[in-house]
Amino acid sequence: MAHVELGNDMPGIRGLLAYRPETAGPLMELAQVLLRGDSTLSAGERELIAAAVSRQNECEYCAASHGASAAALLPGGGEQVEAVLAGPPGDAPVSGKLRALLDIAGLVRADGRLVTDEAVTTARAAGATDREIHDTVLIAAAFCMYNRYVDGLATSVPDDPAQYEISAAHLVAHGYRVLR
């Protein structure tokens, strides 16, 4: 049960967005820009960064929902996502560039000041652009906020994994502007 009466039975951030539509707009617009906007990183890669940060923050709802979206968008599907979420970025079955960006995202998640010149140099050496590094840091920072919003108000978490797949199908088709 959520810490505040939301007036709806929607899980995770969906219930919070319905509760405060005036804050939902800016929050979802940010997610739309970060996860679906113009980028040289694929939507699947960006969803995977969001899922990895959420998993490290132990936000079950966000890790599962963004993991499902990443699985729907990435060629490696659910197996690739689970492998990434199960271990450190160094073991991730992804490109060297994405592995380096996941490492930066993990550093931001813990404390933005942990991002070192060495981590950025490693990402650049693996092919990451300054824009990709910037966007990775912003995705990680934003998902720390989203995770704390969802968990700080103790929103409900679906028990059925199929619920995340349904949500992912909607997000893949429509993005973040039309969440219902």
Foldseek 3Di string as FASTA:
>chain_A
DWQDDLVDQDFFVLSVCSSPVVVLQVLLVVQCCLQPNDDPDHSLLLLLLLLLLLLVVVLVQSVLLSLLLSLVVDPVHNVQSCQCNVDQLVRHPDQQLSSLLSVQLVLLSVPNVSDDPVSVVSNVVSPDDPVNSVSSSVSSVSSSVSSCVRPVRPTDHDPDSVVSNVSSVCCVVPNRNDRD
